[in-house]
Amino acid sequence: MSLEVKMNTKIKLELSHFGEQFFHGVKKVLTCES
């Protein structure tokens, strides 16, 4: 159970980090375009 929770937490952290990077990339593109 605890191992499963650790894995889920790790996946969530990686996903949130990827989402952050993606969001910054989109923001950069939008500010360059306008």
PDB file of N, CA and C in Angstrom:
ATOM      1  N   MET A   1       0.842  -1.210   0.000  1.00  0.00           N
ATOM      2  CA  MET A   1       0.000   0.000   0.000  1.00  0.00           C
ATOM      3  C   MET A   1       0.875   1.256   0.000  1.00  0.00           C
ATOM      4  N   SER A   2       1.845   1.306   0.909  1.00  0.00           N
ATOM      5  CA  SER A   2       2.680   2.515   1.000  1.00  0.00           C
ATOM      6  C   SER A   2       3.503   2.706  -0.280  1.00  0.00           C
ATOM      7  N   LEU A   3       3.934   1.582  -0.880  1.00  0.00           N
ATOM      8  CA  LEU A   3       4.699   1.678  -2.128  1.00  0.00           C
ATOM      9  C   LEU A   3       3.820   2.253  -3.229  1.00  0.00           C
ATOM     10  N   GLU A   4       2.558   1.819  -3.251  1.00  0.00           N
ATOM     11  CA  GLU A   4       1.615   2.318  -4.258  1.00  0.00           C
ATOM     12  C   GLU A   4       1.415   3.825  -4.083  1.00  0.00           C
ATOM     13  N   VAL A   5       1.290   4.255  -2.844  1.00  0.00           N
ATOM     14  CA  VAL A   5       1.094   5.682  -2.567  1.00  0.00           C
ATOM     15  C   VAL A   5       2.324   6.467  -3.021  1.00  0.00           C
ATOM     16  N   LYS A   6       3.504   5.919  -2.753  1.00  0.00           N
ATOM     17  CA  LYS A   6       4.744   6.591  -3.172  1.00  0.00           C
ATOM     18  C   LYS A   6       4.778   6.744  -4.686  1.00  0.00           C
ATOM     19  N   MET A   7       4.412   5.682  -5.402  1.00  0.00           N
ATOM     20  CA  MET A   7       4.409   5.724  -6.864  1.00  0.00           C
ATOM     21  C   MET A   7       3.425   6.765  -7.371  1.00  0.00           C
ATOM     22  N   ASN A   8       2.219   6.777  -6.775  1.00  0.00           N
ATOM     23  CA  ASN A   8       1.199   7.743  -7.196  1.00  0.00           C
ATOM     24  C   ASN A   8       1.680   9.166  -6.956  1.00  0.00           C
ATOM     25  N   THR A   9       2.325   9.396  -5.817  1.00  0.00           N
ATOM     26  CA  THR A   9       2.824  10.734  -5.502  1.00  0.00           C
ATOM     27  C   THR A   9       3.900  11.136  -6.507  1.00  0.00           C
ATOM     28  N   LYS A  10       4.793  10.198  -6.824  1.00  0.00           N
ATOM     29  CA  LYS A  10       5.877  10.480  -7.775  1.00  0.00           C
ATOM     30  C   LYS A  10       5.298  10.836  -9.140  1.00  0.00           C
ATOM     31  N   ILE A  11       4.312  10.058  -9.579  1.00  0.00           N
ATOM     32  CA  ILE A  11       3.689  10.301 -10.888  1.00  0.00           C
ATOM     33  C   ILE A  11       3.012  11.664 -10.893  1.00  0.00           C
ATOM     34  N   LYS A  12       2.313  11.985  -9.807  1.00  0.00           N
ATOM     35  CA  LYS A  12       1.613  13.276  -9.732  1.00  0.00           C
ATOM     36  C   LYS A  12       2.611  14.422  -9.777  1.00  0.00           C
ATOM     37  N   LEU A  13       3.729  14.276  -9.064  1.00  0.00           N
ATOM     38  CA  LEU A  13       4.745  15.326  -9.059  1.00  0.00           C
ATOM     39  C   LEU A  13       5.325  15.513 -10.457  1.00  0.00           C
ATOM     40  N   GLU A  14       5.620  14.400 -11.132  1.00  0.00           N
ATOM     41  CA  GLU A  14       6.185  14.491 -12.481  1.00  0.00           C
ATOM     42  C   GLU A  14       5.192  15.117 -13.446  1.00  0.00           C
ATOM     43  N   LEU A  15       3.918  14.758 -13.303  1.00  0.00           N
ATOM     44  CA  LEU A  15       2.894  15.310 -14.189  1.00  0.00           C
ATOM     45  C   LEU A  15       2.735  16.804 -13.950  1.00  0.00           C
ATOM     46  N   SER A  16       2.726  17.214 -12.676  1.00  0.00           N
ATOM     47  CA  SER A  16       2.551  18.636 -12.380  1.00  0.00           C
ATOM     48  C   SER A  16       3.755  19.428 -12.891  1.00  0.00           C
ATOM     49  N   HIS A  17       4.950  18.830 -12.795  1.00  0.00           N
ATOM     50  CA  HIS A  17       6.149  19.504 -13.295  1.00  0.00           C
ATOM     51  C   HIS A  17       6.066  19.651 -14.814  1.00  0.00           C
ATOM     52  N   PHE A  18       5.606  18.593 -15.489  1.00  0.00           N
ATOM     53  CA  PHE A  18       5.467  18.635 -16.946  1.00  0.00           C
ATOM     54  C   PHE A  18       4.427  19.677 -17.333  1.00  0.00           C
ATOM     55  N   GLY A  19       3.334  19.729 -16.580  1.00  0.00           N
ATOM     56  CA  GLY A  19       2.275  20.698 -16.855  1.00  0.00           C
ATOM     57  C   GLY A  19       2.797  22.119 -16.713  1.00  0.00           C
ATOM     58  N   GLU A  20       3.642  22.317 -15.706  1.00  0.00           N
ATOM     59  CA  GLU A  20       4.226  23.645 -15.478  1.00  0.00           C
ATOM     60  C   GLU A  20       5.089  24.047 -16.671  1.00  0.00           C
ATOM     61  N   GLN A  21       5.966  23.136 -17.105  1.00  0.00           N
ATOM     62  CA  GLN A  21       6.846  23.397 -18.246  1.00  0.00           C
ATOM     63  C   GLN A  21       6.025  23.693 -19.492  1.00  0.00           C
ATOM     64  N   PHE A  22       4.979  22.874 -19.711  1.00  0.00           N
ATOM     65  CA  PHE A  22       4.114  23.028 -20.876  1.00  0.00           C
ATOM     66  C   PHE A  22       3.423  24.380 -20.843  1.00  0.00           C
ATOM     67  N   PHE A  23       2.918  24.767 -19.663  1.00  0.00           N
ATOM     68  CA  PHE A  23       2.218  26.041 -19.510  1.00  0.00           C
ATOM     69  C   PHE A  23       3.152  27.207 -19.815  1.00  0.00           C
ATOM     70  N   HIS A  24       4.396  27.127 -19.302  1.00  0.00           N
ATOM     71  CA  HIS A  24       5.366  28.196 -19.562  1.00  0.00           C
ATOM     72  C   HIS A  24       5.677  28.281 -21.055  1.00  0.00           C
ATOM     73  N   GLY A  25       5.794  27.117 -21.703  1.00  0.00           N
ATOM     74  CA  GLY A  25       6.079  27.091 -23.139  1.00  0.00           C
ATOM     75  C   GLY A  25       4.963  27.743 -23.932  1.00  0.00           C
ATOM     76  N   VAL A  26       3.725  27.420 -23.583  1.00  0.00           N
ATOM     77  CA  VAL A  26       2.567  27.991 -24.280  1.00  0.00           C
ATOM     78  C   VAL A  26       2.523  29.498 -24.068  1.00  0.00           C
ATOM     79  N   LYS A  27       2.799  29.923 -22.828  1.00  0.00           N
ATOM     80  CA  LYS A  27       2.773  31.355 -22.511  1.00  0.00           C
ATOM     81  C   LYS A  27       3.829  32.090 -23.338  1.00  0.00           C
ATOM     82  N   LYS A  28       5.011  31.480 -23.459  1.00  0.00           N
ATOM     83  CA  LYS A  28       6.097  32.081 -24.240  1.00  0.00           C
ATOM     84  C   LYS A  28       5.667  32.256 -25.689  1.00  0.00           C
ATOM     85  N   VAL A  29       5.089  31.204 -26.258  1.00  0.00           N
ATOM     86  CA  VAL A  29       4.650  31.243 -27.659  1.00  0.00           C
ATOM     87  C   VAL A  29       3.589  32.320 -27.848  1.00  0.00           C
ATOM     88  N   LEU A  30       2.638  32.386 -26.915  1.00  0.00           N
ATOM     89  CA  LEU A  30       1.551  33.363 -27.035  1.00  0.00           C
ATOM     90  C   LEU A  30       2.090  34.791 -26.954  1.00  0.00           C
ATOM     91  N   THR A  31       3.038  35.039 -26.046  1.00  0.00           N
ATOM     92  CA  THR A  31       3.574  36.393 -25.906  1.00  0.00           C
ATOM     93  C   THR A  31       4.430  36.757 -27.122  1.00  0.00           C
ATOM     94  N   CYS A  32       5.092  35.779 -27.722  1.00  0.00           N
ATOM     95  CA  CYS A  32       5.901  36.046 -28.925  1.00  0.00           C
ATOM     96  C   CYS A  32       4.996  36.331 -30.119  1.00  0.00           C
ATOM     97  N   GLU A  33       3.893  35.604 -30.214  1.00  0.00           N
ATOM     98  CA  GLU A  33       2.979  35.747 -31.356  1.00  0.00           C
ATOM     99  C   GLU A  33       2.313  37.121 -31.376  1.00  0.00           C
ATOM    100  N   SER A  34       1.881  37.583 -30.207  1.00  0.00           N
ATOM    101  CA  SER A  34       1.101  38.830 -30.156  1.00  0.00           C
ATOM    102  C   SER A  34       1.961  40.075 -30.336  1.00  0.00           C
TER     103      SER A  34
END
